[in-house]
Amino acid sequence: MSQTTPDLTGTVVAITGGGRGIGAATAAELVGRGAKVAIGDVDLDVAEATAQRIGGGTVAVLLDVTDPKSFSSFLDETEARLGPLDVLVNNAGIMPLASLLDEDDAMTARMLDLNVRSVISGSREAARRMVPRRSGHIVNIASTAGKMGLAGGGTYCASKAAVIAFSEAIEQELAEHGVHVSVVMPGIVKTELATGIPDLPGFKSVTPEAVADGIADAVAEPRLEVFVPRSAGPMLKYTRLMPRRSSLWLSRKMGVDKVFVNAHSDPGRKAYEERAAGPSSTTGNHAD
């Protein structure tokens, strides 16, 4: 929690993929700041256990983010049980890793469905509730990988780049209606999704709680770009200004060019990849 912790008492927040990882940590952080939170997850048993552990009136709701009707029902139930929606955190997503030649079409479609289309449809559902009230905040979880393409994770990087661009666009559309938009870009986060991905020189992994703290701060004091850690923002902007040949040299020197490629050699990675390929992966424990 930040040294100065803005009070969010009474703020109604809905979080997708809230049963585990960043979603669960964010729910706990927001409840600690006084918010009323609903966590949506395709694994209802996990969501209910998380809600019970967090306490503070946290509610768990069954949610399949790939189904617009399910998303609408999730927000309807959140408002029925907690009050008018103030904040939506689009956290659900998956991070299967594969080279262009090895990734099959089904996984490509699944990743784009979960990581991109659900963010768009969820944001639309939330905005339809917020715009008439001229207040609200949509928080989309992307990744620093959306700012730099990494070998071995092309589709994942593309999906997060899409979330960043989408957030930038709707921020302009919704500002005149009093609705804020934030896009959160973590580096490597210590959750299941990061299995096999090592720390990099000058770019250490962060905890889900650190990401949750950044999300909560952005809810309290809205801004578009939220980097976790904050140092990632200036570093990424600097490398993007470098000539391509120089940035590739730096990437190789730091091992960034192999960080996703080498993850496949970790025996624990396979278990996550298998879960990501099935229906239960819509829980989306972000490790970006």
Protein backbone atom coordinates (compact mmCIF):
# COMPACT_ATOMS: atom_id res chain seq x y z
CA MET A 1 0.00 0.00 0.00
CA SER A 2 1.24 3.51 -0.79
CA GLN A 3 2.53 5.78 1.96
CA THR A 4 -0.35 8.10 1.23
CA THR A 5 -3.42 5.94 0.80
CA PRO A 6 -6.38 7.81 -0.71
CA ASP A 7 -9.71 6.72 0.71
CA LEU A 8 -12.03 4.87 -1.69
CA THR A 9 -14.85 4.29 0.76
CA GLY A 10 -18.06 3.34 -1.00
CA THR A 11 -16.52 3.06 -4.49
CA VAL A 12 -18.12 0.13 -6.34
CA VAL A 13 -15.58 -1.90 -8.31
CA ALA A 14 -16.00 -4.92 -10.59
CA ILE A 15 -12.88 -6.97 -11.36
CA THR A 16 -12.66 -9.66 -14.05
CA GLY A 17 -10.39 -12.64 -13.47
CA GLY A 18 -10.54 -11.81 -9.77
CA GLY A 19 -10.13 -15.27 -8.31
CA ARG A 20 -6.34 -15.37 -8.45
CA GLY A 21 -3.20 -13.37 -9.13
CA ILE A 22 -3.40 -9.67 -9.87
CA GLY A 23 -7.20 -9.69 -9.78
CA ALA A 24 -7.34 -11.13 -6.27
CA ALA A 25 -4.57 -8.83 -5.04
CA THR A 26 -6.38 -5.83 -6.51
CA ALA A 27 -9.63 -6.81 -4.83
CA ALA A 28 -7.86 -7.07 -1.47
CA GLU A 29 -6.11 -3.71 -1.92
CA LEU A 30 -9.30 -1.90 -2.92
CA VAL A 31 -11.32 -3.40 -0.08
CA GLY A 32 -8.54 -2.30 2.25
CA ARG A 33 -9.08 1.23 0.99
CA GLY A 34 -12.81 1.07 1.63
CA ALA A 35 -14.17 0.04 -1.78
CA LYS A 36 -17.03 -2.41 -2.35
CA VAL A 37 -15.78 -5.10 -4.72
CA ALA A 38 -17.27 -7.80 -6.94
CA ILE A 39 -14.91 -10.35 -8.46
CA GLY A 40 -15.96 -12.17 -11.59
CA ASP A 41 -14.36 -15.47 -12.53
CA VAL A 42 -15.20 -18.54 -14.61
CA ASP A 43 -14.04 -20.64 -11.66
CA LEU A 44 -16.73 -19.68 -9.16
CA ASP A 45 -15.40 -21.89 -6.37
CA VAL A 46 -12.04 -20.10 -6.48
CA ALA A 47 -13.73 -16.70 -6.65
CA GLU A 48 -15.93 -17.49 -3.66
CA ALA A 49 -12.94 -18.66 -1.61
CA THR A 50 -11.07 -15.48 -2.53
CA ALA A 51 -14.04 -13.28 -1.64
CA GLN A 52 -14.39 -15.01 1.72
CA ARG A 53 -10.68 -14.57 2.44
CA ILE A 54 -10.75 -10.87 1.56
CA GLY A 55 -13.94 -10.15 3.47
CA GLY A 56 -15.30 -6.61 3.58
CA GLY A 57 -18.50 -7.61 1.81
CA THR A 58 -16.65 -8.80 -1.31
CA VAL A 59 -18.93 -10.75 -3.62
CA ALA A 60 -18.08 -13.45 -6.15
CA VAL A 61 -19.96 -13.79 -9.44
CA LEU A 62 -19.67 -16.38 -12.20
CA LEU A 63 -18.23 -14.74 -15.31
CA ASP A 64 -17.14 -15.90 -18.74
CA VAL A 65 -15.55 -12.77 -20.22
CA THR A 66 -15.79 -14.18 -23.74
CA ASP A 67 -19.60 -14.14 -23.53
CA PRO A 68 -21.05 -10.60 -23.74
CA LYS A 69 -24.27 -11.77 -22.06
CA SER A 70 -22.27 -13.18 -19.16
CA PHE A 71 -20.35 -9.91 -18.88
CA SER A 72 -23.55 -7.88 -18.84
CA SER A 73 -25.02 -10.17 -16.19
CA PHE A 74 -21.85 -9.80 -14.10
CA LEU A 75 -22.17 -6.02 -14.09
CA ASP A 76 -25.93 -6.22 -13.48
CA GLU A 77 -25.38 -8.44 -10.44
CA THR A 78 -22.58 -6.20 -9.18
CA GLU A 79 -24.89 -3.19 -9.27
CA ALA A 80 -27.80 -5.09 -7.75
CA ARG A 81 -25.69 -6.22 -4.80
CA LEU A 82 -23.31 -3.30 -4.30
CA GLY A 83 -24.74 -0.23 -6.05
CA PRO A 84 -24.03 1.72 -9.26
CA LEU A 85 -20.75 0.73 -10.89
CA ASP A 86 -17.92 3.21 -10.41
CA VAL A 87 -14.93 1.21 -11.67
CA LEU A 88 -14.40 -1.75 -13.99
CA VAL A 89 -11.00 -3.48 -13.91
CA ASN A 90 -10.56 -5.58 -17.07
CA ASN A 91 -7.97 -8.00 -15.72
CA ALA A 92 -8.85 -11.39 -17.24
CA GLY A 93 -6.43 -12.69 -19.85
CA ILE A 94 -3.97 -15.45 -20.74
CA MET A 95 -0.30 -15.62 -21.76
CA PRO A 96 0.50 -18.75 -23.76
CA LEU A 97 3.89 -18.43 -25.44
CA ALA A 98 4.89 -19.83 -28.82
CA SER A 99 6.79 -18.89 -31.93
CA LEU A 100 4.91 -17.80 -35.03
CA LEU A 101 5.45 -21.20 -36.66
CA ASP A 102 4.50 -23.23 -33.58
CA GLU A 103 1.36 -21.43 -32.44
CA ASP A 104 -1.85 -22.95 -33.79
CA ASP A 105 -4.83 -20.97 -35.03
CA ALA A 106 -7.05 -22.07 -32.16
CA MET A 107 -4.69 -20.62 -29.55
CA THR A 108 -4.27 -17.42 -31.56
CA ALA A 109 -8.04 -16.99 -31.67
CA ARG A 110 -8.42 -17.81 -27.98
CA MET A 111 -5.77 -15.31 -26.92
CA LEU A 112 -7.28 -12.51 -28.97
CA ASP A 113 -10.76 -13.40 -27.72
CA LEU A 114 -9.73 -13.28 -24.06
CA ASN A 115 -7.11 -10.54 -24.14
CA VAL A 116 -8.66 -8.14 -26.63
CA ARG A 117 -12.29 -8.74 -27.54
CA SER A 118 -13.40 -9.23 -23.94
CA VAL A 119 -11.71 -5.95 -22.95
CA ILE A 120 -13.53 -4.13 -25.73
CA SER A 121 -16.94 -5.64 -25.01
CA GLY A 122 -16.51 -5.25 -21.25
CA SER A 123 -15.49 -1.62 -21.58
CA ARG A 124 -18.54 -0.99 -23.76
CA GLU A 125 -20.86 -2.59 -21.19
CA ALA A 126 -19.35 -0.50 -18.40
CA ALA A 127 -19.42 2.71 -20.41
CA ARG A 128 -23.12 2.25 -21.16
CA ARG A 129 -23.72 2.41 -17.41
CA MET A 130 -21.23 5.19 -16.66
CA VAL A 131 -21.87 7.71 -19.43
CA PRO A 132 -25.47 8.53 -18.41
CA ARG A 133 -24.22 9.21 -14.87
CA ARG A 134 -21.27 11.22 -16.19
CA SER A 135 -18.86 9.42 -13.90
CA GLY A 136 -16.84 6.22 -13.83
CA HIS A 137 -13.45 4.70 -14.50
CA ILE A 138 -12.38 1.85 -16.79
CA VAL A 139 -9.04 0.23 -15.95
CA ASN A 140 -7.56 -2.10 -18.56
CA ILE A 141 -4.66 -4.38 -17.68
CA ALA A 142 -2.12 -4.55 -20.50
CA SER A 143 1.63 -5.17 -20.23
CA THR A 144 5.00 -3.64 -20.96
CA ALA A 145 5.10 -6.40 -23.61
CA GLY A 146 2.56 -4.29 -25.47
CA LYS A 147 5.23 -1.63 -25.90
CA MET A 148 7.93 -3.95 -27.27
CA GLY A 149 7.63 -7.07 -29.41
CA LEU A 150 9.35 -10.09 -27.87
CA ALA A 151 10.34 -13.21 -29.80
CA GLY A 152 8.34 -16.24 -28.74
CA GLY A 153 5.29 -14.23 -27.75
CA GLY A 154 4.18 -12.35 -30.85
CA THR A 155 0.44 -12.83 -30.41
CA TYR A 156 0.57 -12.05 -26.70
CA CYS A 157 2.53 -8.85 -27.38
CA ALA A 158 0.09 -7.92 -30.14
CA SER A 159 -2.89 -8.46 -27.83
CA LYS A 160 -1.44 -6.15 -25.19
CA ALA A 161 -0.50 -3.53 -27.78
CA ALA A 162 -4.14 -3.63 -28.89
CA VAL A 163 -5.33 -3.03 -25.32
CA ILE A 164 -3.00 -0.03 -25.00
CA ALA A 165 -4.17 1.54 -28.27
CA PHE A 166 -7.81 0.81 -27.47
CA SER A 167 -7.46 2.47 -24.06
CA GLU A 168 -5.84 5.54 -25.60
CA ALA A 169 -8.72 5.81 -28.07
CA ILE A 170 -11.61 5.42 -25.63
CA GLU A 171 -9.97 7.80 -23.17
CA GLN A 172 -10.52 10.52 -25.78
CA GLU A 173 -14.09 9.40 -26.46
CA LEU A 174 -15.20 9.11 -22.84
CA ALA A 175 -13.43 12.12 -21.30
CA GLU A 176 -16.21 14.50 -22.33
CA HIS A 177 -18.69 12.24 -20.52
CA GLY A 178 -16.80 12.34 -17.23
CA VAL A 179 -15.49 8.76 -17.54
CA HIS A 180 -11.78 8.10 -16.91
CA VAL A 181 -9.66 5.41 -18.59
CA SER A 182 -6.39 3.90 -17.37
CA VAL A 183 -4.16 1.27 -18.95
CA VAL A 184 -1.90 -0.60 -16.53
CA MET A 185 1.38 -1.96 -17.91
CA PRO A 186 3.22 -4.27 -15.52
CA GLY A 187 6.51 -5.93 -16.30
CA ILE A 188 7.05 -9.53 -15.22
CA VAL A 189 4.73 -10.34 -12.32
CA LYS A 190 5.26 -13.22 -9.89
CA THR A 191 2.18 -15.25 -10.76
CA GLU A 192 1.54 -18.52 -12.58
CA LEU A 193 1.68 -16.81 -15.97
CA ALA A 194 5.35 -15.91 -15.42
CA THR A 195 6.49 -19.49 -14.80
CA GLY A 196 9.86 -19.98 -16.46
CA ILE A 197 10.41 -16.28 -17.16
CA PRO A 198 13.53 -15.00 -15.35
CA ASP A 199 14.29 -11.58 -13.96
CA LEU A 200 16.24 -9.35 -16.32
CA PRO A 201 19.12 -6.98 -15.50
CA GLY A 202 17.57 -3.73 -14.35
CA PHE A 203 14.06 -5.11 -14.85
CA LYS A 204 13.18 -7.25 -11.84
CA SER A 205 9.83 -8.98 -11.49
CA VAL A 206 7.19 -7.46 -9.24
CA THR A 207 4.53 -8.91 -6.96
CA PRO A 208 0.78 -8.93 -7.70
CA GLU A 209 0.42 -6.67 -4.66
CA ALA A 210 2.69 -4.05 -6.28
CA VAL A 211 0.50 -4.07 -9.39
CA ALA A 212 -2.63 -3.89 -7.23
CA ASP A 213 -1.19 -0.86 -5.45
CA GLY A 214 -0.60 0.87 -8.80
CA ILE A 215 -4.15 0.08 -9.90
CA ALA A 216 -5.64 1.41 -6.66
CA ASP A 217 -3.58 4.60 -6.89
CA ALA A 218 -4.82 5.15 -10.46
CA VAL A 219 -8.43 4.65 -9.32
CA ALA A 220 -7.90 7.24 -6.59
CA GLU A 221 -6.07 9.70 -8.87
CA PRO A 222 -6.94 8.86 -12.50
CA ARG A 223 -4.26 8.90 -15.19
CA LEU A 224 -3.99 7.09 -18.50
CA GLU A 225 -0.62 5.31 -18.28
CA VAL A 226 0.28 3.25 -15.23
CA PHE A 227 3.64 1.45 -15.33
CA VAL A 228 4.61 -1.10 -12.67
CA PRO A 229 7.34 -0.59 -11.67
CA ARG A 230 7.24 3.11 -12.49
CA SER A 231 10.82 2.96 -13.77
CA ALA A 232 9.60 0.82 -16.69
CA GLY A 233 7.96 3.82 -18.34
CA PRO A 234 11.07 5.97 -18.86
CA MET A 235 13.14 2.89 -19.78
CA LEU A 236 10.72 1.83 -22.50
CA LYS A 237 10.40 5.34 -23.88
CA TYR A 238 14.20 5.65 -24.03
CA THR A 239 14.69 2.35 -25.85
CA ARG A 240 11.98 3.24 -28.38
CA LEU A 241 13.94 6.38 -29.29
CA MET A 242 17.09 4.38 -29.99
CA PRO A 243 18.00 3.33 -33.54
CA ARG A 244 16.65 -0.17 -34.25
CA ARG A 245 20.09 -1.73 -34.50
CA SER A 246 21.10 -0.27 -31.14
CA SER A 247 17.89 -1.39 -29.42
CA LEU A 248 18.34 -4.93 -30.77
CA TRP A 249 21.92 -4.99 -29.49
CA LEU A 250 20.76 -3.84 -26.05
CA SER A 251 17.99 -6.42 -26.09
CA ARG A 252 20.46 -9.23 -26.79
CA LYS A 253 22.88 -7.88 -24.17
CA MET A 254 20.14 -7.95 -21.49
CA GLY A 255 18.71 -11.28 -22.62
CA VAL A 256 15.35 -9.74 -23.46
CA ASP A 257 15.33 -11.34 -26.92
CA LYS A 258 15.24 -14.83 -25.36
CA VAL A 259 13.12 -14.23 -22.27
CA PHE A 260 9.96 -15.77 -23.76
CA VAL A 261 11.76 -18.28 -25.98
CA ASN A 262 13.67 -19.85 -23.09
CA ALA A 263 10.61 -20.04 -20.85
CA HIS A 264 9.52 -23.21 -22.64
CA SER A 265 12.41 -25.14 -21.10
CA ASP A 266 10.94 -24.71 -17.62
CA PRO A 267 9.01 -27.87 -16.66
CA GLY A 268 6.43 -25.85 -14.74
CA ARG A 269 5.50 -23.87 -17.83
CA LYS A 270 3.70 -26.79 -19.45
CA ALA A 271 1.05 -26.96 -16.71
CA TYR A 272 0.12 -23.33 -17.24
CA GLU A 273 0.08 -23.66 -21.03
CA GLU A 274 -2.32 -26.60 -20.76
CA ARG A 275 -4.62 -24.66 -18.43
CA ALA A 276 -4.52 -21.64 -20.73
CA ALA A 277 -5.74 -23.79 -23.60
CA GLY A 278 -8.88 -24.86 -21.70
CA PRO A 279 -12.07 -23.13 -20.54
CA SER A 280 -10.77 -22.49 -17.01
CA SER A 281 -8.10 -20.10 -18.30
CA THR A 282 -10.62 -17.27 -18.61
CA THR A 283 -9.79 -16.57 -14.98
CA GLY A 284 -6.82 -14.67 -16.37
CA ASN A 285 -4.17 -14.46 -13.65
CA HIS A 286 -2.03 -11.73 -15.14
CA ALA A 287 1.69 -12.09 -14.92
CA ASP A 288 2.57 -9.20 -17.20
